[in-house]
Amino acid sequence: MHFYSLLSSSILFVLLLCISDSESLKTLKNLAVKHGGSISIPCVYDEKYKSNRKYWCRGYYWSLCKIVANTNTSGRTSVTDHPTQNMFTVELKSLQDSDSGYYWCAVEISGGSDDGDYVYLTVSSDPAVLVINSSVSGQEGGRVSVQCLCSAGYKNKQKKWCRFKDWSCFTVWKTSTSQNSAVLVSDDEKGSVSVEMSGLQKSDAGWYWFSAGDVGVTVHLTVTERPSSKITCIRNTVHTC
C-alpha cells in the first residue's frame, strides 16, 4: 500500500512539473473566436521580465509546447512587446477550427527555466461569445460602446466586463445593468449585452475583455485627446479674448 502511495505522489509531482501556473506572467484562460476571424491576446508580465524575449507556443504540456512565434517573427501569428506597459500581445489571424487548443504566453529566461501561462483557444463557426468590434475608439470626456453577443448556451451565464490593467471587473448576473455610472453593462438576457463607457479619460485606454461564464473575448480601447477649442480674436471689435 505504501508503494502505491509513493507511486501516486511521484506521478502527481511529474504532472506538476509539466503544468505552469505563473504568478509573474498571466493571461486569460479561455478565449473564443469565430472561424476565419482574428484575435489579439494580451499577456501581462512582471517588471523583471521587461527585457526578456517573449514567445508564443502551442501544446497541452508546458514542458513540451512547440514555439509558434516570438518577438522576432511575423506572419499569421505575431508577437509584439510593449515594455512600457509590462505586456506583450499575440495577434492570431485567419483562424481555423484546427487552431483550437492550448497555447502559452512565455518568456525566455537565460540560464534558467522559461516562464509561461496557458490559455485555451476555441475556434468555431458559433463561438460562445463574440464582440461586433474588437477595437473601439473614443475621445476624452466622451463615450464608447461595445456590442457583445452570446450563443444560446451562454446567454444565461454570468457576464463580466474587465480590464487587464488592474484585472477589475464589472459583473452582471441576471440583472439589467451594472452598478457603476461610468461603465454601464446592459444585458437583455436574450444573448445581447451592451457595454457603454462614458466620461472617458486617457487612463481608460488599453485592453479589456468580455466574458460569459468562463469564456471570454478581448477588446482594445483607444482614447484620443479632445480637440482644443480655439477662440479667434478680431481687432477693433467690442469683443475681448
C-alpha atoms as a PDB file:
ATOM      1  CA  MET A   1       0.000   0.000   0.000  1.00  0.00           C
ATOM      2  CA  HIS A   2       2.902   2.282   0.852  1.00  0.00           C
ATOM      3  CA  PHE A   3       4.411   1.592  -2.619  1.00  0.00           C
ATOM      4  CA  TYR A   4       1.236   2.686  -4.423  1.00  0.00           C
ATOM      5  CA  SER A   5       1.068   5.828  -2.296  1.00  0.00           C
ATOM      6  CA  LEU A   6       4.619   6.729  -3.267  1.00  0.00           C
ATOM      7  CA  LEU A   7       3.887   5.948  -6.923  1.00  0.00           C
ATOM      8  CA  SER A   8       0.824   8.234  -6.919  1.00  0.00           C
ATOM      9  CA  SER A   9       2.833  11.034  -5.303  1.00  0.00           C
ATOM     10  CA  SER A  10       5.578  10.639  -7.915  1.00  0.00           C
ATOM     11  CA  ILE A  11       3.091  10.776 -10.808  1.00  0.00           C
ATOM     12  CA  LEU A  12       1.479  13.886  -9.313  1.00  0.00           C
ATOM     13  CA  PHE A  13       4.888  15.535  -8.943  1.00  0.00           C
ATOM     14  CA  VAL A  14       5.750  14.827 -12.603  1.00  0.00           C
ATOM     15  CA  LEU A  15       2.414  16.270 -13.758  1.00  0.00           C
ATOM     16  CA  LEU A  16       3.017  19.408 -11.723  1.00  0.00           C
ATOM     17  CA  LEU A  17       6.358  19.832 -13.460  1.00  0.00           C
ATOM     18  CA  CYS A  18       4.555  19.746 -16.807  1.00  0.00           C
ATOM     19  CA  ILE A  19       1.980  22.401 -15.932  1.00  0.00           C
ATOM     20  CA  SER A  20       2.917  26.019 -15.228  1.00  0.00           C
ATOM     21  CA  ASP A  21       0.762  28.381 -13.163  1.00  0.00           C
ATOM     22  CA  SER A  22       2.864  31.513 -13.221  1.00  0.00           C
ATOM     23  CA  GLU A  23       2.369  34.443 -10.878  1.00  0.00           C
ATOM     24  CA  SER A  24       4.819  36.611 -12.834  1.00  0.00           C
ATOM     25  CA  LEU A  25       3.114  36.120 -16.189  1.00  0.00           C
ATOM     26  CA  LYS A  26      -0.608  35.826 -16.797  1.00  0.00           C
ATOM     27  CA  THR A  27      -3.300  35.903 -19.430  1.00  0.00           C
ATOM     28  CA  LEU A  28      -6.912  34.792 -19.824  1.00  0.00           C
ATOM     29  CA  LYS A  29      -7.637  31.094 -19.508  1.00  0.00           C
ATOM     30  CA  ASN A  30     -10.419  30.521 -22.048  1.00  0.00           C
ATOM     31  CA  LEU A  31     -10.959  32.532 -25.236  1.00  0.00           C
ATOM     32  CA  ALA A  32     -13.344  32.134 -28.167  1.00  0.00           C
ATOM     33  CA  VAL A  33     -13.066  33.375 -31.757  1.00  0.00           C
ATOM     34  CA  LYS A  34     -15.143  32.955 -34.892  1.00  0.00           C
ATOM     35  CA  HIS A  35     -13.899  30.709 -37.702  1.00  0.00           C
ATOM     36  CA  GLY A  36     -11.870  32.790 -40.162  1.00  0.00           C
ATOM     37  CA  GLY A  37     -11.535  35.648 -37.698  1.00  0.00           C
ATOM     38  CA  SER A  38      -8.656  37.186 -35.760  1.00  0.00           C
ATOM     39  CA  ILE A  39      -7.893  37.842 -32.125  1.00  0.00           C
ATOM     40  CA  SER A  40      -5.253  39.697 -30.097  1.00  0.00           C
ATOM     41  CA  ILE A  41      -4.266  38.180 -26.767  1.00  0.00           C
ATOM     42  CA  PRO A  42      -2.554  40.354 -24.127  1.00  0.00           C
ATOM     43  CA  CYS A  43      -0.007  38.673 -21.860  1.00  0.00           C
ATOM     44  CA  VAL A  44       0.883  40.659 -18.730  1.00  0.00           C
ATOM     45  CA  TYR A  45       4.313  40.124 -17.198  1.00  0.00           C
ATOM     46  CA  ASP A  46       6.283  41.161 -14.136  1.00  0.00           C
ATOM     47  CA  GLU A  47       8.710  44.094 -14.292  1.00  0.00           C
ATOM     48  CA  LYS A  48      11.628  41.645 -14.033  1.00  0.00           C
ATOM     49  CA  TYR A  49      10.764  40.264 -17.496  1.00  0.00           C
ATOM     50  CA  LYS A  50      10.827  43.611 -19.269  1.00  0.00           C
ATOM     51  CA  SER A  51      13.992  42.826 -21.285  1.00  0.00           C
ATOM     52  CA  ASN A  52      13.378  39.097 -21.802  1.00  0.00           C
ATOM     53  CA  ARG A  53      12.470  37.634 -25.191  1.00  0.00           C
ATOM     54  CA  LYS A  54       8.770  36.812 -25.444  1.00  0.00           C
ATOM     55  CA  TYR A  55       7.218  33.970 -27.416  1.00  0.00           C
ATOM     56  CA  TRP A  56       4.010  32.031 -28.087  1.00  0.00           C
ATOM     57  CA  CYS A  57       3.931  28.260 -28.083  1.00  0.00           C
ATOM     58  CA  ARG A  58       1.373  25.502 -28.514  1.00  0.00           C
ATOM     59  CA  GLY A  59       0.783  22.295 -26.586  1.00  0.00           C
ATOM     60  CA  TYR A  60      -1.089  20.848 -23.609  1.00  0.00           C
ATOM     61  CA  TYR A  61       2.054  20.425 -21.506  1.00  0.00           C
ATOM     62  CA  TRP A  62       4.219  23.432 -20.752  1.00  0.00           C
ATOM     63  CA  SER A  63       7.405  21.351 -20.875  1.00  0.00           C
ATOM     64  CA  LEU A  64       6.566  20.056 -24.384  1.00  0.00           C
ATOM     65  CA  CYS A  65       4.961  23.074 -26.067  1.00  0.00           C
ATOM     66  CA  LYS A  66       6.169  23.981 -29.560  1.00  0.00           C
ATOM     67  CA  ILE A  67       7.167  27.592 -30.290  1.00  0.00           C
ATOM     68  CA  VAL A  68       4.859  29.145 -32.909  1.00  0.00           C
ATOM     69  CA  ALA A  69       6.165  32.725 -32.933  1.00  0.00           C
ATOM     70  CA  ASN A  70       8.373  35.100 -30.993  1.00  0.00           C
ATOM     71  CA  THR A  71       9.157  38.811 -30.997  1.00  0.00           C
ATOM     72  CA  ASN A  72      11.486  38.346 -33.980  1.00  0.00           C
ATOM     73  CA  THR A  73       8.906  36.748 -36.285  1.00  0.00           C
ATOM     74  CA  SER A  74       5.778  37.913 -38.106  1.00  0.00           C
ATOM     75  CA  GLY A  75       3.062  36.350 -40.217  1.00  0.00           C
ATOM     76  CA  ARG A  76      -0.281  34.759 -39.428  1.00  0.00           C
ATOM     77  CA  THR A  77       0.862  34.759 -35.815  1.00  0.00           C
ATOM     78  CA  SER A  78       2.886  37.680 -34.456  1.00  0.00           C
ATOM     79  CA  VAL A  79       4.200  38.693 -31.043  1.00  0.00           C
ATOM     80  CA  THR A  80       4.618  42.380 -30.121  1.00  0.00           C
ATOM     81  CA  ASP A  81       6.233  43.501 -26.877  1.00  0.00           C
ATOM     82  CA  HIS A  82       5.047  46.652 -25.059  1.00  0.00           C
ATOM     83  CA  PRO A  83       7.683  47.046 -22.316  1.00  0.00           C
ATOM     84  CA  THR A  84       6.311  50.379 -21.071  1.00  0.00           C
ATOM     85  CA  GLN A  85       3.082  48.553 -20.234  1.00  0.00           C
ATOM     86  CA  ASN A  86       4.697  45.328 -18.954  1.00  0.00           C
ATOM     87  CA  MET A  87       2.698  43.460 -21.574  1.00  0.00           C
ATOM     88  CA  PHE A  88       3.098  41.706 -24.892  1.00  0.00           C
ATOM     89  CA  THR A  89       0.324  40.909 -27.344  1.00  0.00           C
ATOM     90  CA  VAL A  90      -0.095  37.902 -29.590  1.00  0.00           C
ATOM     91  CA  GLU A  91      -2.087  38.502 -32.781  1.00  0.00           C
ATOM     92  CA  LEU A  92      -3.642  35.489 -34.481  1.00  0.00           C
ATOM     93  CA  LYS A  93      -5.151  35.887 -37.953  1.00  0.00           C
ATOM     94  CA  SER A  94      -7.392  33.831 -40.280  1.00  0.00           C
ATOM     95  CA  LEU A  95      -8.064  31.261 -37.593  1.00  0.00           C
ATOM     96  CA  GLN A  96      -9.382  27.809 -38.483  1.00  0.00           C
ATOM     97  CA  ASP A  97     -11.116  25.189 -36.334  1.00  0.00           C
ATOM     98  CA  SER A  98      -7.853  23.223 -36.314  1.00  0.00           C
ATOM     99  CA  ASP A  99      -6.204  26.139 -34.475  1.00  0.00           C
ATOM    100  CA  SER A 100      -8.248  25.333 -31.361  1.00  0.00           C
ATOM    101  CA  GLY A 101      -6.183  24.120 -28.439  1.00  0.00           C
ATOM    102  CA  TYR A 102      -3.843  25.002 -25.585  1.00  0.00           C
ATOM    103  CA  TYR A 103      -1.299  27.785 -26.038  1.00  0.00           C
ATOM    104  CA  TRP A 104       1.204  29.527 -23.782  1.00  0.00           C
ATOM    105  CA  CYS A 105       2.340  33.110 -23.314  1.00  0.00           C
ATOM    106  CA  ALA A 106       6.001  32.688 -22.461  1.00  0.00           C
ATOM    107  CA  VAL A 107       9.256  34.487 -21.683  1.00  0.00           C
ATOM    108  CA  GLU A 108      12.753  33.158 -22.256  1.00  0.00           C
ATOM    109  CA  ILE A 109      14.998  33.057 -19.193  1.00  0.00           C
ATOM    110  CA  SER A 110      18.713  32.797 -19.842  1.00  0.00           C
ATOM    111  CA  GLY A 111      20.373  30.259 -17.572  1.00  0.00           C
ATOM    112  CA  GLY A 112      17.077  29.074 -16.100  1.00  0.00           C
ATOM    113  CA  SER A 113      13.678  27.578 -16.859  1.00  0.00           C
ATOM    114  CA  ASP A 114      11.414  29.691 -19.069  1.00  0.00           C
ATOM    115  CA  ASP A 115       8.186  31.034 -17.575  1.00  0.00           C
ATOM    116  CA  GLY A 116       4.723  30.748 -19.120  1.00  0.00           C
ATOM    117  CA  ASP A 117       0.974  30.880 -18.574  1.00  0.00           C
ATOM    118  CA  TYR A 118      -1.592  28.972 -20.617  1.00  0.00           C
ATOM    119  CA  VAL A 119      -4.777  29.879 -22.473  1.00  0.00           C
ATOM    120  CA  TYR A 120      -7.250  27.602 -24.228  1.00  0.00           C
ATOM    121  CA  LEU A 121      -8.480  28.930 -27.582  1.00  0.00           C
ATOM    122  CA  THR A 122     -11.691  27.696 -29.208  1.00  0.00           C
ATOM    123  CA  VAL A 123     -12.272  28.487 -32.889  1.00  0.00           C
ATOM    124  CA  SER A 124     -15.761  27.727 -34.224  1.00  0.00           C
ATOM    125  CA  SER A 125     -18.484  28.991 -36.540  1.00  0.00           C
ATOM    126  CA  ASP A 126     -20.687  29.711 -33.495  1.00  0.00           C
ATOM    127  CA  PRO A 127     -18.385  30.938 -30.705  1.00  0.00           C
ATOM    128  CA  ALA A 128     -19.648  31.139 -27.129  1.00  0.00           C
ATOM    129  CA  VAL A 129     -19.016  34.900 -27.056  1.00  0.00           C
ATOM    130  CA  LEU A 130     -18.370  37.467 -29.760  1.00  0.00           C
ATOM    131  CA  VAL A 131     -17.892  41.240 -29.994  1.00  0.00           C
ATOM    132  CA  ILE A 132     -19.011  43.251 -33.023  1.00  0.00           C
ATOM    133  CA  ASN A 133     -15.831  45.379 -32.884  1.00  0.00           C
ATOM    134  CA  SER A 134     -12.711  44.148 -31.112  1.00  0.00           C
ATOM    135  CA  SER A 135     -11.111  47.599 -31.400  1.00  0.00           C
ATOM    136  CA  VAL A 136     -13.004  50.752 -30.411  1.00  0.00           C
ATOM    137  CA  SER A 137     -12.058  54.421 -30.051  1.00  0.00           C
ATOM    138  CA  GLY A 138     -13.464  57.455 -28.231  1.00  0.00           C
ATOM    139  CA  GLN A 139     -12.483  60.995 -27.254  1.00  0.00           C
ATOM    140  CA  GLU A 140     -11.626  62.237 -23.781  1.00  0.00           C
ATOM    141  CA  GLY A 141     -14.825  63.131 -21.953  1.00  0.00           C
ATOM    142  CA  GLY A 142     -16.874  61.205 -24.495  1.00  0.00           C
ATOM    143  CA  ARG A 143     -18.307  57.732 -24.554  1.00  0.00           C
ATOM    144  CA  VAL A 144     -17.860  54.474 -26.381  1.00  0.00           C
ATOM    145  CA  SER A 145     -19.988  51.351 -26.661  1.00  0.00           C
ATOM    146  CA  VAL A 146     -19.184  47.682 -27.293  1.00  0.00           C
ATOM    147  CA  GLN A 147     -21.798  45.227 -28.508  1.00  0.00           C
ATOM    148  CA  CYS A 148     -21.316  41.678 -27.238  1.00  0.00           C
ATOM    149  CA  LEU A 149     -23.156  38.550 -28.352  1.00  0.00           C
ATOM    150  CA  CYS A 150     -23.524  35.220 -26.561  1.00  0.00           C
ATOM    151  CA  SER A 151     -24.501  31.888 -28.091  1.00  0.00           C
ATOM    152  CA  ALA A 152     -27.633  30.097 -26.889  1.00  0.00           C
ATOM    153  CA  GLY A 153     -25.768  28.054 -24.304  1.00  0.00           C
ATOM    154  CA  TYR A 154     -24.186  31.139 -22.720  1.00  0.00           C
ATOM    155  CA  LYS A 155     -26.923  33.780 -22.770  1.00  0.00           C
ATOM    156  CA  ASN A 156     -27.897  32.961 -19.168  1.00  0.00           C
ATOM    157  CA  LYS A 157     -24.332  32.783 -17.866  1.00  0.00           C
ATOM    158  CA  GLN A 158     -22.805  35.445 -15.642  1.00  0.00           C
ATOM    159  CA  LYS A 159     -21.451  38.358 -17.730  1.00  0.00           C
ATOM    160  CA  LYS A 160     -18.322  40.392 -16.944  1.00  0.00           C
ATOM    161  CA  TRP A 161     -16.521  43.386 -18.425  1.00  0.00           C
ATOM    162  CA  CYS A 162     -12.944  43.560 -17.157  1.00  0.00           C
ATOM    163  CA  ARG A 163      -9.728  45.432 -17.840  1.00  0.00           C
ATOM    164  CA  PHE A 164      -6.225  43.998 -17.924  1.00  0.00           C
ATOM    165  CA  LYS A 165      -4.575  46.991 -16.275  1.00  0.00           C
ATOM    166  CA  ASP A 166      -5.779  46.012 -12.811  1.00  0.00           C
ATOM    167  CA  TRP A 167      -7.957  42.936 -13.513  1.00  0.00           C
ATOM    168  CA  SER A 168     -11.010  44.769 -12.148  1.00  0.00           C
ATOM    169  CA  CYS A 169     -14.435  43.653 -13.386  1.00  0.00           C
ATOM    170  CA  PHE A 170     -17.997  44.897 -13.647  1.00  0.00           C
ATOM    171  CA  THR A 171     -20.358  41.980 -13.227  1.00  0.00           C
ATOM    172  CA  VAL A 172     -23.917  41.453 -14.400  1.00  0.00           C
ATOM    173  CA  TRP A 173     -25.855  38.439 -13.209  1.00  0.00           C
ATOM    174  CA  LYS A 174     -29.497  38.230 -14.302  1.00  0.00           C
ATOM    175  CA  THR A 175     -29.950  41.958 -13.800  1.00  0.00           C
ATOM    176  CA  SER A 176     -30.376  44.733 -16.317  1.00  0.00           C
ATOM    177  CA  THR A 177     -27.260  46.796 -15.641  1.00  0.00           C
ATOM    178  CA  SER A 178     -24.045  47.064 -13.636  1.00  0.00           C
ATOM    179  CA  GLN A 179     -23.805  49.360 -10.627  1.00  0.00           C
ATOM    180  CA  ASN A 180     -21.300  51.879 -11.958  1.00  0.00           C
ATOM    181  CA  SER A 181     -22.443  55.065 -13.690  1.00  0.00           C
ATOM    182  CA  ALA A 182     -19.245  55.368 -15.772  1.00  0.00           C
ATOM    183  CA  VAL A 183     -19.474  51.772 -17.010  1.00  0.00           C
ATOM    184  CA  LEU A 184     -22.948  50.595 -17.943  1.00  0.00           C
ATOM    185  CA  VAL A 185     -23.355  46.903 -18.801  1.00  0.00           C
ATOM    186  CA  SER A 186     -26.849  46.113 -20.089  1.00  0.00           C
ATOM    187  CA  ASP A 187     -27.962  42.515 -20.584  1.00  0.00           C
ATOM    188  CA  ASP A 188     -31.192  41.823 -22.476  1.00  0.00           C
ATOM    189  CA  GLU A 189     -30.962  38.162 -21.337  1.00  0.00           C
ATOM    190  CA  LYS A 190     -31.560  37.114 -24.948  1.00  0.00           C
ATOM    191  CA  GLY A 191     -27.910  36.848 -25.943  1.00  0.00           C
ATOM    192  CA  SER A 192     -27.026  40.520 -26.455  1.00  0.00           C
ATOM    193  CA  VAL A 193     -25.002  42.569 -23.984  1.00  0.00           C
ATOM    194  CA  SER A 194     -24.117  46.247 -24.432  1.00  0.00           C
ATOM    195  CA  VAL A 195     -21.160  47.831 -22.623  1.00  0.00           C
ATOM    196  CA  GLU A 196     -21.081  51.634 -22.532  1.00  0.00           C
ATOM    197  CA  MET A 197     -18.217  53.627 -21.020  1.00  0.00           C
ATOM    198  CA  SER A 198     -18.772  57.359 -20.505  1.00  0.00           C
ATOM    199  CA  GLY A 199     -16.625  60.257 -19.314  1.00  0.00           C
ATOM    200  CA  LEU A 200     -13.591  58.655 -20.935  1.00  0.00           C
ATOM    201  CA  GLN A 201     -10.105  59.508 -19.661  1.00  0.00           C
ATOM    202  CA  LYS A 202      -6.716  58.779 -21.202  1.00  0.00           C
ATOM    203  CA  SER A 203      -6.106  56.303 -18.389  1.00  0.00           C
ATOM    204  CA  ASP A 204      -9.084  54.239 -19.605  1.00  0.00           C
ATOM    205  CA  ALA A 205      -7.206  53.299 -22.782  1.00  0.00           C
ATOM    206  CA  GLY A 206      -5.930  49.749 -23.054  1.00  0.00           C
ATOM    207  CA  TRP A 207      -7.067  46.141 -23.149  1.00  0.00           C
ATOM    208  CA  TYR A 208     -10.362  44.789 -21.815  1.00  0.00           C
ATOM    209  CA  TRP A 209     -12.251  41.538 -22.066  1.00  0.00           C
ATOM    210  CA  PHE A 210     -15.879  40.499 -22.060  1.00  0.00           C
ATOM    211  CA  SER A 211     -16.839  37.091 -20.723  1.00  0.00           C
ATOM    212  CA  ALA A 212     -19.912  34.933 -20.300  1.00  0.00           C
ATOM    213  CA  GLY A 213     -19.365  32.138 -17.824  1.00  0.00           C
ATOM    214  CA  ASP A 214     -15.731  31.090 -18.165  1.00  0.00           C
ATOM    215  CA  VAL A 215     -15.277  32.072 -21.842  1.00  0.00           C
ATOM    216  CA  GLY A 216     -14.019  35.483 -22.949  1.00  0.00           C
ATOM    217  CA  VAL A 217     -13.056  37.671 -25.883  1.00  0.00           C
ATOM    218  CA  THR A 218     -10.672  40.648 -25.927  1.00  0.00           C
ATOM    219  CA  VAL A 219     -11.336  44.297 -26.818  1.00  0.00           C
ATOM    220  CA  HIS A 220      -8.875  47.175 -27.241  1.00  0.00           C
ATOM    221  CA  LEU A 221      -9.897  50.740 -26.371  1.00  0.00           C
ATOM    222  CA  THR A 222      -8.135  53.850 -27.717  1.00  0.00           C
ATOM    223  CA  VAL A 223      -8.861  57.219 -26.111  1.00  0.00           C
ATOM    224  CA  THR A 224      -7.921  60.261 -28.187  1.00  0.00           C
ATOM    225  CA  GLU A 225      -7.438  63.829 -26.976  1.00  0.00           C
ATOM    226  CA  ARG A 226     -10.381  66.155 -27.204  1.00  0.00           C
ATOM    227  CA  PRO A 227      -9.750  68.851 -29.851  1.00  0.00           C
ATOM    228  CA  SER A 228      -8.804  72.111 -28.172  1.00  0.00           C
ATOM    229  CA  SER A 229     -11.330  74.904 -28.745  1.00  0.00           C
ATOM    230  CA  LYS A 230      -9.708  77.974 -30.265  1.00  0.00           C
ATOM    231  CA  ILE A 231     -11.057  81.486 -29.983  1.00  0.00           C
ATOM    232  CA  THR A 232     -10.376  83.782 -32.900  1.00  0.00           C
ATOM    233  CA  CYS A 233      -9.724  87.369 -31.879  1.00  0.00           C
ATOM    234  CA  ILE A 234     -10.736  90.115 -34.247  1.00  0.00           C
ATOM    235  CA  ARG A 235      -9.225  93.508 -33.732  1.00  0.00           C
ATOM    236  CA  ASN A 236     -11.303  96.650 -33.380  1.00  0.00           C
ATOM    237  CA  THR A 237     -14.389  94.808 -32.144  1.00  0.00           C
ATOM    238  CA  VAL A 238     -16.225  95.144 -28.903  1.00  0.00           C
ATOM    239  CA  HIS A 239     -15.379  91.534 -28.015  1.00  0.00           C
ATOM    240  CA  THR A 240     -12.299  90.758 -25.956  1.00  0.00           C
ATOM    241  CA  CYS A 241     -10.398  87.463 -25.738  1.00  0.00           C
END
